[in-house]
């Protein structure tokens, strides 16, 4: 069974305090769901049409585990802490090759 990955990109951050509250809840929730943080932060280099934005890469043992992590109570609490206006971001969940 292939692994799966969350790729989160932050297009804009409007409320650092809310982002910190989210991170304090999201990290443990995603780890408890089997996630392993592989990378996070600003890119060392941006090529082609890429943008310099905070990116987070998390590995899961399966696509179902990655999908379930998003629906977990712990992650839902993290999303509530983030609120609706603290950040503009997208999360992509993809299956490994």
PDB file of N, CA and C in Angstrom:
ATOM      1  N   UNK A   1       0.854  -1.174   0.000  1.00  0.00           N
ATOM      2  CA  UNK A   1       0.000   0.000   0.000  1.00  0.00           C
ATOM      3  C   UNK A   1       0.904   1.244   0.000  1.00  0.00           C
ATOM      4  N   UNK A   2       0.685   2.159  -0.944  1.00  0.00           N
ATOM      5  CA  UNK A   2       1.533   3.357  -0.992  1.00  0.00           C
ATOM      6  C   UNK A   2       1.260   4.309   0.166  1.00  0.00           C
ATOM      7  N   UNK A   3       2.288   5.028   0.523  1.00  0.00           N
ATOM      8  CA  UNK A   3       2.152   6.076   1.536  1.00  0.00           C
ATOM      9  C   UNK A   3       1.360   7.235   0.934  1.00  0.00           C
ATOM     10  N   UNK A   4       0.972   8.164   1.786  1.00  0.00           N
ATOM     11  CA  UNK A   4       0.267   9.362   1.321  1.00  0.00           C
ATOM     12  C   UNK A   4       0.882  10.566   2.021  1.00  0.00           C
ATOM     13  N   UNK A   5       0.682  11.732   1.429  1.00  0.00           N
ATOM     14  CA  UNK A   5       1.321  12.952   1.916  1.00  0.00           C
ATOM     15  C   UNK A   5       0.325  14.102   1.954  1.00  0.00           C
ATOM     16  N   UNK A   6       0.452  14.894   3.010  1.00  0.00           N
ATOM     17  CA  UNK A   6      -0.220  16.193   3.074  1.00  0.00           C
ATOM     18  C   UNK A   6       0.806  17.223   2.634  1.00  0.00           C
ATOM     19  N   UNK A   7       0.413  18.094   1.750  1.00  0.00           N
ATOM     20  CA  UNK A   7       1.231  19.248   1.392  1.00  0.00           C
ATOM     21  C   UNK A   7       0.381  20.477   1.692  1.00  0.00           C
ATOM     22  N   UNK A   8       0.823  21.263   2.656  1.00  0.00           N
ATOM     23  CA  UNK A   8       0.108  22.484   3.043  1.00  0.00           C
ATOM     24  C   UNK A   8       0.924  23.684   2.601  1.00  0.00           C
ATOM     25  N   UNK A   9       0.288  24.602   1.906  1.00  0.00           N
ATOM     26  CA  UNK A   9       0.949  25.831   1.484  1.00  0.00           C
ATOM     27  C   UNK A   9       0.178  27.024   2.026  1.00  0.00           C
ATOM     28  N   UNK A  10       0.901  27.918   2.639  1.00  0.00           N
ATOM     29  CA  UNK A  10       0.320  29.117   3.253  1.00  0.00           C
ATOM     30  C   UNK A  10       0.534  30.296   2.312  1.00  0.00           C
ATOM     31  N   UNK A  11      -0.527  30.722   1.671  1.00  0.00           N
ATOM     32  CA  UNK A  11      -0.458  31.836   0.738  1.00  0.00           C
ATOM     33  C   UNK A  11      -0.357  33.174   1.463  1.00  0.00           C
ATOM     34  N   UNK A  12      -1.000  33.267   2.638  1.00  0.00           N
ATOM     35  CA  UNK A  12      -0.940  34.490   3.458  1.00  0.00           C
ATOM     36  C   UNK A  12      -1.266  34.116   4.893  1.00  0.00           C
ATOM     37  N   UNK A  13      -0.607  34.790   5.823  1.00  0.00           N
ATOM     38  CA  UNK A  13      -0.885  34.604   7.246  1.00  0.00           C
ATOM     39  C   UNK A  13      -1.313  35.959   7.792  1.00  0.00           C
ATOM     40  N   UNK A  14      -2.527  36.007   8.346  1.00  0.00           N
ATOM     41  CA  UNK A  14      -3.085  37.258   8.847  1.00  0.00           C
ATOM     42  C   UNK A  14      -3.074  37.347  10.371  1.00  0.00           C
ATOM     43  N   UNK A  15      -2.969  36.212  11.045  1.00  0.00           N
ATOM     44  CA  UNK A  15      -3.031  36.197  12.511  1.00  0.00           C
ATOM     45  C   UNK A  15      -2.044  35.162  13.042  1.00  0.00           C
ATOM     46  N   UNK A  16      -0.850  35.624  13.400  1.00  0.00           N
ATOM     47  CA  UNK A  16       0.216  34.729  13.887  1.00  0.00           C
ATOM     48  C   UNK A  16      -0.198  34.001  15.163  1.00  0.00           C
ATOM     49  N   UNK A  17      -0.925  34.671  16.057  1.00  0.00           N
ATOM     50  CA  UNK A  17      -1.332  34.040  17.317  1.00  0.00           C
ATOM     51  C   UNK A  17      -2.274  32.871  17.050  1.00  0.00           C
ATOM     52  N   UNK A  18      -3.211  33.039  16.141  1.00  0.00           N
ATOM     53  CA  UNK A  18      -4.127  31.950  15.800  1.00  0.00           C
ATOM     54  C   UNK A  18      -3.368  30.809  15.126  1.00  0.00           C
ATOM     55  N   UNK A  19      -2.386  31.148  14.299  1.00  0.00           N
ATOM     56  CA  UNK A  19      -1.580  30.115  13.646  1.00  0.00           C
ATOM     57  C   UNK A  19      -0.794  29.315  14.677  1.00  0.00           C
ATOM     58  N   UNK A  20      -0.256  29.987  15.686  1.00  0.00           N
ATOM     59  CA  UNK A  20       0.475  29.292  16.747  1.00  0.00           C
ATOM     60  C   UNK A  20      -0.457  28.387  17.546  1.00  0.00           C
ATOM     61  N   UNK A  21      -1.663  28.857  17.842  1.00  0.00           N
ATOM     62  CA  UNK A  21      -2.639  28.043  18.568  1.00  0.00           C
ATOM     63  C   UNK A  21      -2.995  26.809  17.742  1.00  0.00           C
ATOM     64  N   UNK A  22      -3.176  26.995  16.446  1.00  0.00           N
ATOM     65  CA  UNK A  22      -3.449  25.878  15.541  1.00  0.00           C
ATOM     66  C   UNK A  22      -2.299  24.876  15.568  1.00  0.00           C
ATOM     67  N   UNK A  23      -1.072  25.365  15.428  1.00  0.00           N
ATOM     68  CA  UNK A  23       0.100  24.487  15.361  1.00  0.00           C
ATOM     69  C   UNK A  23       0.257  23.659  16.630  1.00  0.00           C
ATOM     70  N   UNK A  24      -0.026  24.252  17.778  1.00  0.00           N
ATOM     71  CA  UNK A  24       0.101  23.527  19.044  1.00  0.00           C
ATOM     72  C   UNK A  24      -0.887  22.377  19.132  1.00  0.00           C
ATOM     73  N   UNK A  25      -2.023  22.500  18.491  1.00  0.00           N
ATOM     74  CA  UNK A  25      -3.020  21.428  18.484  1.00  0.00           C
ATOM     75  C   UNK A  25      -2.849  20.488  17.286  1.00  0.00           C
ATOM     76  N   UNK A  26      -2.525  21.042  16.137  1.00  0.00           N
ATOM     77  CA  UNK A  26      -2.448  20.241  14.912  1.00  0.00           C
ATOM     78  C   UNK A  26      -1.284  19.259  14.950  1.00  0.00           C
ATOM     79  N   UNK A  27      -0.132  19.692  15.416  1.00  0.00           N
ATOM     80  CA  UNK A  27       1.033  18.801  15.444  1.00  0.00           C
ATOM     81  C   UNK A  27       0.748  17.509  16.194  1.00  0.00           C
ATOM     82  N   UNK A  28       0.343  17.590  17.462  1.00  0.00           N
ATOM     83  CA  UNK A  28       0.028  16.363  18.199  1.00  0.00           C
ATOM     84  C   UNK A  28      -1.130  15.564  17.593  1.00  0.00           C
ATOM     85  N   UNK A  29      -2.141  16.250  17.066  1.00  0.00           N
ATOM     86  CA  UNK A  29      -3.283  15.541  16.478  1.00  0.00           C
ATOM     87  C   UNK A  29      -2.852  14.744  15.253  1.00  0.00           C
ATOM     88  N   UNK A  30      -2.028  15.343  14.407  1.00  0.00           N
ATOM     89  CA  UNK A  30      -1.596  14.653  13.200  1.00  0.00           C
ATOM     90  C   UNK A  30      -0.601  13.544  13.515  1.00  0.00           C
ATOM     91  N   UNK A  31       0.249  13.767  14.481  1.00  0.00           N
ATOM     92  CA  UNK A  31       1.182  12.720  14.918  1.00  0.00           C
ATOM     93  C   UNK A  31       0.406  11.542  15.501  1.00  0.00           C
ATOM     94  N   UNK A  32      -0.617  11.827  16.308  1.00  0.00           N
ATOM     95  CA  UNK A  32      -1.450  10.766  16.884  1.00  0.00           C
ATOM     96  C   UNK A  32      -2.177   9.977  15.795  1.00  0.00           C
ATOM     97  N   UNK A  33      -2.405  10.604  14.656  1.00  0.00           N
ATOM     98  CA  UNK A  33      -3.067   9.941  13.534  1.00  0.00           C
ATOM     99  C   UNK A  33      -2.075   9.218  12.634  1.00  0.00           C
ATOM    100  N   UNK A  34      -0.822   9.165  13.055  1.00  0.00           N
ATOM    101  CA  UNK A  34       0.198   8.457  12.288  1.00  0.00           C
ATOM    102  C   UNK A  34       1.026   9.325  11.370  1.00  0.00           C
ATOM    103  N   UNK A  35       0.818  10.630  11.391  1.00  0.00           N
ATOM    104  CA  UNK A  35       1.576  11.526  10.526  1.00  0.00           C
ATOM    105  C   UNK A  35       3.002  11.733  11.011  1.00  0.00           C
ATOM    106  N   UNK A  36       3.904  11.893  10.059  1.00  0.00           N
ATOM    107  CA  UNK A  36       5.305  12.195  10.343  1.00  0.00           C
ATOM    108  C   UNK A  36       5.683  13.467   9.576  1.00  0.00           C
ATOM    109  N   UNK A  37       6.080  14.484  10.305  1.00  0.00           N
ATOM    110  CA  UNK A  37       6.454  15.747   9.674  1.00  0.00           C
ATOM    111  C   UNK A  37       7.808  15.568   8.999  1.00  0.00           C
ATOM    112  N   UNK A  38       7.835  15.739   7.685  1.00  0.00           N
ATOM    113  CA  UNK A  38       9.069  15.579   6.922  1.00  0.00           C
ATOM    114  C   UNK A  38       9.757  16.912   6.664  1.00  0.00           C
ATOM    115  N   UNK A  39       8.969  17.963   6.487  1.00  0.00           N
ATOM    116  CA  UNK A  39       9.544  19.286   6.207  1.00  0.00           C
ATOM    117  C   UNK A  39       8.519  20.350   6.559  1.00  0.00           C
ATOM    118  N   UNK A  40       9.021  21.507   7.007  1.00  0.00           N
ATOM    119  CA  UNK A  40       8.149  22.660   7.233  1.00  0.00           C
ATOM    120  C   UNK A  40       9.000  23.912   7.256  1.00  0.00           C
ATOM    121  N   UNK A  41       8.418  24.979   6.754  1.00  0.00           N
ATOM    122  CA  UNK A  41       9.114  26.258   6.721  1.00  0.00           C
ATOM    123  C   UNK A  41       9.067  26.876   5.331  1.00  0.00           C
ATOM    124  N   UNK A  42       9.935  27.852   5.137  1.00  0.00           N
ATOM    125  CA  UNK A  42      10.022  28.510   3.836  1.00  0.00           C
ATOM    126  C   UNK A  42      10.950  27.713   2.927  1.00  0.00           C
ATOM    127  N   UNK A  43      10.671  27.692   1.623  1.00  0.00           N
ATOM    128  CA  UNK A  43      11.528  26.959   0.697  1.00  0.00           C
ATOM    129  C   UNK A  43      12.958  27.523   0.674  1.00  0.00           C
ATOM    130  N   UNK A  44      13.922  26.639   0.510  1.00  0.00           N
ATOM    131  CA  UNK A  44      15.313  27.058   0.349  1.00  0.00           C
ATOM    132  C   UNK A  44      15.514  27.689  -1.023  1.00  0.00           C
ATOM    133  N   UNK A  45      14.717  27.255  -1.998  1.00  0.00           N
ATOM    134  CA  UNK A  45      14.776  27.807  -3.353  1.00  0.00           C
ATOM    135  C   UNK A  45      13.387  27.654  -3.970  1.00  0.00           C
ATOM    136  N   UNK A  46      13.047  28.594  -4.828  1.00  0.00           N
ATOM    137  CA  UNK A  46      11.774  28.548  -5.547  1.00  0.00           C
ATOM    138  C   UNK A  46      12.098  28.634  -7.031  1.00  0.00           C
ATOM    139  N   UNK A  47      11.602  27.697  -7.806  1.00  0.00           N
ATOM    140  CA  UNK A  47      11.903  27.628  -9.243  1.00  0.00           C
ATOM    141  C   UNK A  47      10.624  27.747 -10.059  1.00  0.00           C
ATOM    142  N   UNK A  48      10.809  28.050 -11.330  1.00  0.00           N
ATOM    143  CA  UNK A  48       9.736  28.160 -12.300  1.00  0.00           C
ATOM    144  C   UNK A  48       8.698  29.184 -11.830  1.00  0.00           C
ATOM    145  N   UNK A  49       7.447  28.807 -11.648  1.00  0.00           N
ATOM    146  CA  UNK A  49       6.410  29.755 -11.239  1.00  0.00           C
ATOM    147  C   UNK A  49       6.072  29.631  -9.763  1.00  0.00           C
ATOM    148  N   UNK A  50       6.955  28.995  -8.988  1.00  0.00           N
ATOM    149  CA  UNK A  50       6.718  28.809  -7.562  1.00  0.00           C
ATOM    150  C   UNK A  50       6.712  30.125  -6.803  1.00  0.00           C
ATOM    151  N   UNK A  51       6.177  30.075  -5.609  1.00  0.00           N
ATOM    152  CA  UNK A  51       6.104  31.257  -4.756  1.00  0.00           C
ATOM    153  C   UNK A  51       6.780  30.950  -3.434  1.00  0.00           C
ATOM    154  N   UNK A  52       7.379  31.941  -2.859  1.00  0.00           N
ATOM    155  CA  UNK A  52       8.029  31.820  -1.559  1.00  0.00           C
ATOM    156  C   UNK A  52       6.945  31.854  -0.487  1.00  0.00           C
ATOM    157  N   UNK A  53       6.525  30.663  -0.012  1.00  0.00           N
ATOM    158  CA  UNK A  53       5.483  30.595   1.007  1.00  0.00           C
ATOM    159  C   UNK A  53       5.749  29.414   1.931  1.00  0.00           C
ATOM    160  N   UNK A  54       5.304  29.562   3.161  1.00  0.00           N
ATOM    161  CA  UNK A  54       5.455  28.493   4.144  1.00  0.00           C
ATOM    162  C   UNK A  54       4.813  27.224   3.601  1.00  0.00           C
ATOM    163  N   UNK A  55       5.542  26.114   3.710  1.00  0.00           N
ATOM    164  CA  UNK A  55       5.076  24.831   3.215  1.00  0.00           C
ATOM    165  C   UNK A  55       5.314  23.780   4.288  1.00  0.00           C
ATOM    166  N   UNK A  56       4.367  22.850   4.426  1.00  0.00           N
ATOM    167  CA  UNK A  56       4.489  21.749   5.385  1.00  0.00           C
ATOM    168  C   UNK A  56       4.246  20.448   4.632  1.00  0.00           C
ATOM    169  N   UNK A  57       5.107  19.459   4.851  1.00  0.00           N
ATOM    170  CA  UNK A  57       4.990  18.150   4.219  1.00  0.00           C
ATOM    171  C   UNK A  57       4.896  17.093   5.313  1.00  0.00           C
ATOM    172  N   UNK A  58       3.797  16.321   5.296  1.00  0.00           N
ATOM    173  CA  UNK A  58       3.553  15.293   6.310  1.00  0.00           C
ATOM    174  C   UNK A  58       3.306  13.968   5.601  1.00  0.00           C
ATOM    175  N   UNK A  59       3.965  12.909   6.077  1.00  0.00           N
ATOM    176  CA  UNK A  59       3.809  11.573   5.502  1.00  0.00           C
ATOM    177  C   UNK A  59       2.888  10.723   6.371  1.00  0.00           C
ATOM    178  N   UNK A  60       2.024   9.941   5.718  1.00  0.00           N
ATOM    179  CA  UNK A  60       1.145   8.986   6.384  1.00  0.00           C
ATOM    180  C   UNK A  60       1.359   7.613   5.754  1.00  0.00           C
ATOM    181  N   UNK A  61       1.029   6.563   6.483  1.00  0.00           N
ATOM    182  CA  UNK A  61       1.228   5.204   5.981  1.00  0.00           C
ATOM    183  C   UNK A  61       0.292   4.835   4.840  1.00  0.00           C
ATOM    184  N   UNK A  62      -0.835   5.537   4.711  1.00  0.00           N
ATOM    185  CA  UNK A  62      -1.788   5.239   3.644  1.00  0.00           C
ATOM    186  C   UNK A  62      -2.634   6.470   3.342  1.00  0.00           C
ATOM    187  N   UNK A  63      -3.296   6.417   2.202  1.00  0.00           N
ATOM    188  CA  UNK A  63      -4.210   7.496   1.840  1.00  0.00           C
ATOM    189  C   UNK A  63      -5.342   7.594   2.850  1.00  0.00           C
ATOM    190  N   UNK A  64      -5.871   6.452   3.272  1.00  0.00           N
ATOM    191  CA  UNK A  64      -6.972   6.477   4.233  1.00  0.00           C
ATOM    192  C   UNK A  64      -6.544   7.106   5.555  1.00  0.00           C
ATOM    193  N   UNK A  65      -5.331   6.819   6.005  1.00  0.00           N
ATOM    194  CA  UNK A  65      -4.836   7.420   7.247  1.00  0.00           C
ATOM    195  C   UNK A  65      -4.740   8.938   7.112  1.00  0.00           C
ATOM    196  N   UNK A  66      -4.295   9.408   5.960  1.00  0.00           N
ATOM    197  CA  UNK A  66      -4.196  10.854   5.725  1.00  0.00           C
ATOM    198  C   UNK A  66      -5.570  11.503   5.712  1.00  0.00           C
ATOM    199  N   UNK A  67      -6.527  10.856   5.062  1.00  0.00           N
ATOM    200  CA  UNK A  67      -7.885  11.390   5.010  1.00  0.00           C
ATOM    201  C   UNK A  67      -8.535  11.368   6.392  1.00  0.00           C
ATOM    202  N   UNK A  68      -8.317  10.284   7.124  1.00  0.00           N
ATOM    203  CA  UNK A  68      -8.887  10.177   8.466  1.00  0.00           C
ATOM    204  C   UNK A  68      -8.299  11.222   9.412  1.00  0.00           C
ATOM    205  N   UNK A  69      -7.027  11.534   9.245  1.00  0.00           N
ATOM    206  CA  UNK A  69      -6.381  12.529  10.108  1.00  0.00           C
ATOM    207  C   UNK A  69      -7.079  13.875   9.990  1.00  0.00           C
ATOM    208  N   UNK A  70      -7.490  14.235   8.782  1.00  0.00           N
ATOM    209  CA  UNK A  70      -8.162  15.521   8.579  1.00  0.00           C
ATOM    210  C   UNK A  70      -9.498  15.560   9.306  1.00  0.00           C
ATOM    211  N   UNK A  71     -10.156  14.409   9.422  1.00  0.00           N
ATOM    212  CA  UNK A  71     -11.467  14.336  10.064  1.00  0.00           C
ATOM    213  C   UNK A  71     -11.391  14.026  11.559  1.00  0.00           C
ATOM    214  N   UNK A  72     -10.198  13.857  12.094  1.00  0.00           N
ATOM    215  CA  UNK A  72     -10.059  13.472  13.502  1.00  0.00           C
ATOM    216  C   UNK A  72     -10.511  14.601  14.424  1.00  0.00           C
ATOM    217  N   UNK A  73     -11.013  14.260  15.602  1.00  0.00           N
ATOM    218  CA  UNK A  73     -11.439  15.287  16.559  1.00  0.00           C
ATOM    219  C   UNK A  73     -10.304  16.251  16.929  1.00  0.00           C
ATOM    220  N   UNK A  74      -9.112  15.727  17.088  1.00  0.00           N
ATOM    221  CA  UNK A  74      -7.978  16.590  17.439  1.00  0.00           C
ATOM    222  C   UNK A  74      -7.675  17.607  16.359  1.00  0.00           C
ATOM    223  N   UNK A  75      -7.731  17.183  15.098  1.00  0.00           N
ATOM    224  CA  UNK A  75      -7.459  18.124  14.020  1.00  0.00           C
ATOM    225  C   UNK A  75      -8.606  19.114  13.849  1.00  0.00           C
ATOM    226  N   UNK A  76      -9.828  18.666  14.078  1.00  0.00           N
ATOM    227  CA  UNK A  76     -10.962  19.597  14.021  1.00  0.00           C
ATOM    228  C   UNK A  76     -10.823  20.686  15.080  1.00  0.00           C
ATOM    229  N   UNK A  77     -10.304  20.322  16.264  1.00  0.00           N
ATOM    230  CA  UNK A  77     -10.051  21.328  17.305  1.00  0.00           C
ATOM    231  C   UNK A  77      -8.976  22.312  16.846  1.00  0.00           C
ATOM    232  N   UNK A  78      -7.963  21.810  16.147  1.00  0.00           N
ATOM    233  CA  UNK A  78      -6.910  22.690  15.624  1.00  0.00           C
ATOM    234  C   UNK A  78      -7.482  23.667  14.605  1.00  0.00           C
ATOM    235  N   UNK A  79      -8.349  23.170  13.728  1.00  0.00           N
ATOM    236  CA  UNK A  79      -8.981  24.052  12.737  1.00  0.00           C
ATOM    237  C   UNK A  79      -9.840  25.121  13.403  1.00  0.00           C
ATOM    238  N   UNK A  80     -10.519  24.746  14.486  1.00  0.00           N
ATOM    239  CA  UNK A  80     -11.328  25.726  15.211  1.00  0.00           C
ATOM    240  C   UNK A  80     -10.440  26.816  15.803  1.00  0.00           C
ATOM    241  N   UNK A  81      -9.270  26.439  16.305  1.00  0.00           N
ATOM    242  CA  UNK A  81      -8.326  27.425  16.858  1.00  0.00           C
ATOM    243  C   UNK A  81      -7.791  28.343  15.766  1.00  0.00           C
ATOM    244  N   UNK A  82      -7.605  27.798  14.560  1.00  0.00           N
ATOM    245  CA  UNK A  82      -7.113  28.607  13.442  1.00  0.00           C
ATOM    246  C   UNK A  82      -8.160  29.622  13.007  1.00  0.00           C
ATOM    247  N   UNK A  83      -9.418  29.223  13.056  1.00  0.00           N
ATOM    248  CA  UNK A  83     -10.472  30.139  12.633  1.00  0.00           C
ATOM    249  C   UNK A  83     -10.557  30.226  11.116  1.00  0.00           C
ATOM    250  N   UNK A  84     -11.329  31.180  10.641  1.00  0.00           N
ATOM    251  CA  UNK A  84     -11.567  31.283   9.197  1.00  0.00           C
ATOM    252  C   UNK A  84     -10.753  32.366   8.510  1.00  0.00           C
ATOM    253  N   UNK A  85     -10.177  33.288   9.278  1.00  0.00           N
ATOM    254  CA  UNK A  85      -9.479  34.409   8.639  1.00  0.00           C
ATOM    255  C   UNK A  85      -8.003  34.516   9.005  1.00  0.00           C
ATOM    256  N   UNK A  86      -7.477  33.574   9.754  1.00  0.00           N
ATOM    257  CA  UNK A  86      -6.089  33.678  10.219  1.00  0.00           C
ATOM    258  C   UNK A  86      -5.079  33.417   9.115  1.00  0.00           C
ATOM    259  N   UNK A  87      -5.445  32.571   8.158  1.00  0.00           N
ATOM    260  CA  UNK A  87      -4.498  32.217   7.097  1.00  0.00           C
ATOM    261  C   UNK A  87      -5.250  31.838   5.829  1.00  0.00           C
ATOM    262  N   UNK A  88      -4.607  32.106   4.711  1.00  0.00           N
ATOM    263  CA  UNK A  88      -5.084  31.632   3.417  1.00  0.00           C
ATOM    264  C   UNK A  88      -4.122  30.520   3.026  1.00  0.00           C
ATOM    265  N   UNK A  89      -4.640  29.318   2.898  1.00  0.00           N
ATOM    266  CA  UNK A  89      -3.765  28.181   2.622  1.00  0.00           C
ATOM    267  C   UNK A  89      -4.528  27.121   1.855  1.00  0.00           C
ATOM    268  N   UNK A  90      -3.778  26.184   1.325  1.00  0.00           N
ATOM    269  CA  UNK A  90      -4.419  25.021   0.737  1.00  0.00           C
ATOM    270  C   UNK A  90      -3.682  23.788   1.234  1.00  0.00           C
ATOM    271  N   UNK A  91      -4.441  22.715   1.371  1.00  0.00           N
ATOM    272  CA  UNK A  91      -3.896  21.434   1.776  1.00  0.00           C
ATOM    273  C   UNK A  91      -4.199  20.455   0.658  1.00  0.00           C
ATOM    274  N   UNK A  92      -3.168  19.784   0.198  1.00  0.00           N
ATOM    275  CA  UNK A  92      -3.329  18.771  -0.842  1.00  0.00           C
ATOM    276  C   UNK A  92      -2.951  17.439  -0.223  1.00  0.00           C
ATOM    277  N   UNK A  93      -3.788  16.453  -0.399  1.00  0.00           N
ATOM    278  CA  UNK A  93      -3.503  15.109   0.098  1.00  0.00           C
ATOM    279  C   UNK A  93      -3.309  14.227  -1.132  1.00  0.00           C
ATOM    280  N   UNK A  94      -2.086  13.687  -1.262  1.00  0.00           N
ATOM    281  CA  UNK A  94      -1.775  12.898  -2.440  1.00  0.00           C
ATOM    282  C   UNK A  94      -1.213  11.544  -2.040  1.00  0.00           C
ATOM    283  N   UNK A  95      -1.484  10.564  -2.886  1.00  0.00           N
ATOM    284  CA  UNK A  95      -0.956   9.231  -2.662  1.00  0.00           C
ATOM    285  C   UNK A  95       0.431   9.136  -3.274  1.00  0.00           C
ATOM    286  N   UNK A  96       1.327   8.448  -2.575  1.00  0.00           N
ATOM    287  CA  UNK A  96       2.682   8.271  -3.061  1.00  0.00           C
ATOM    288  C   UNK A  96       2.724   7.371  -4.282  1.00  0.00           C
ATOM    289  N   UNK A  97       3.797   7.493  -5.035  1.00  0.00           N
ATOM    290  CA  UNK A  97       3.979   6.687  -6.259  1.00  0.00           C
ATOM    291  C   UNK A  97       4.406   5.279  -5.911  1.00  0.00           C
TER     292      UNK A  97
END
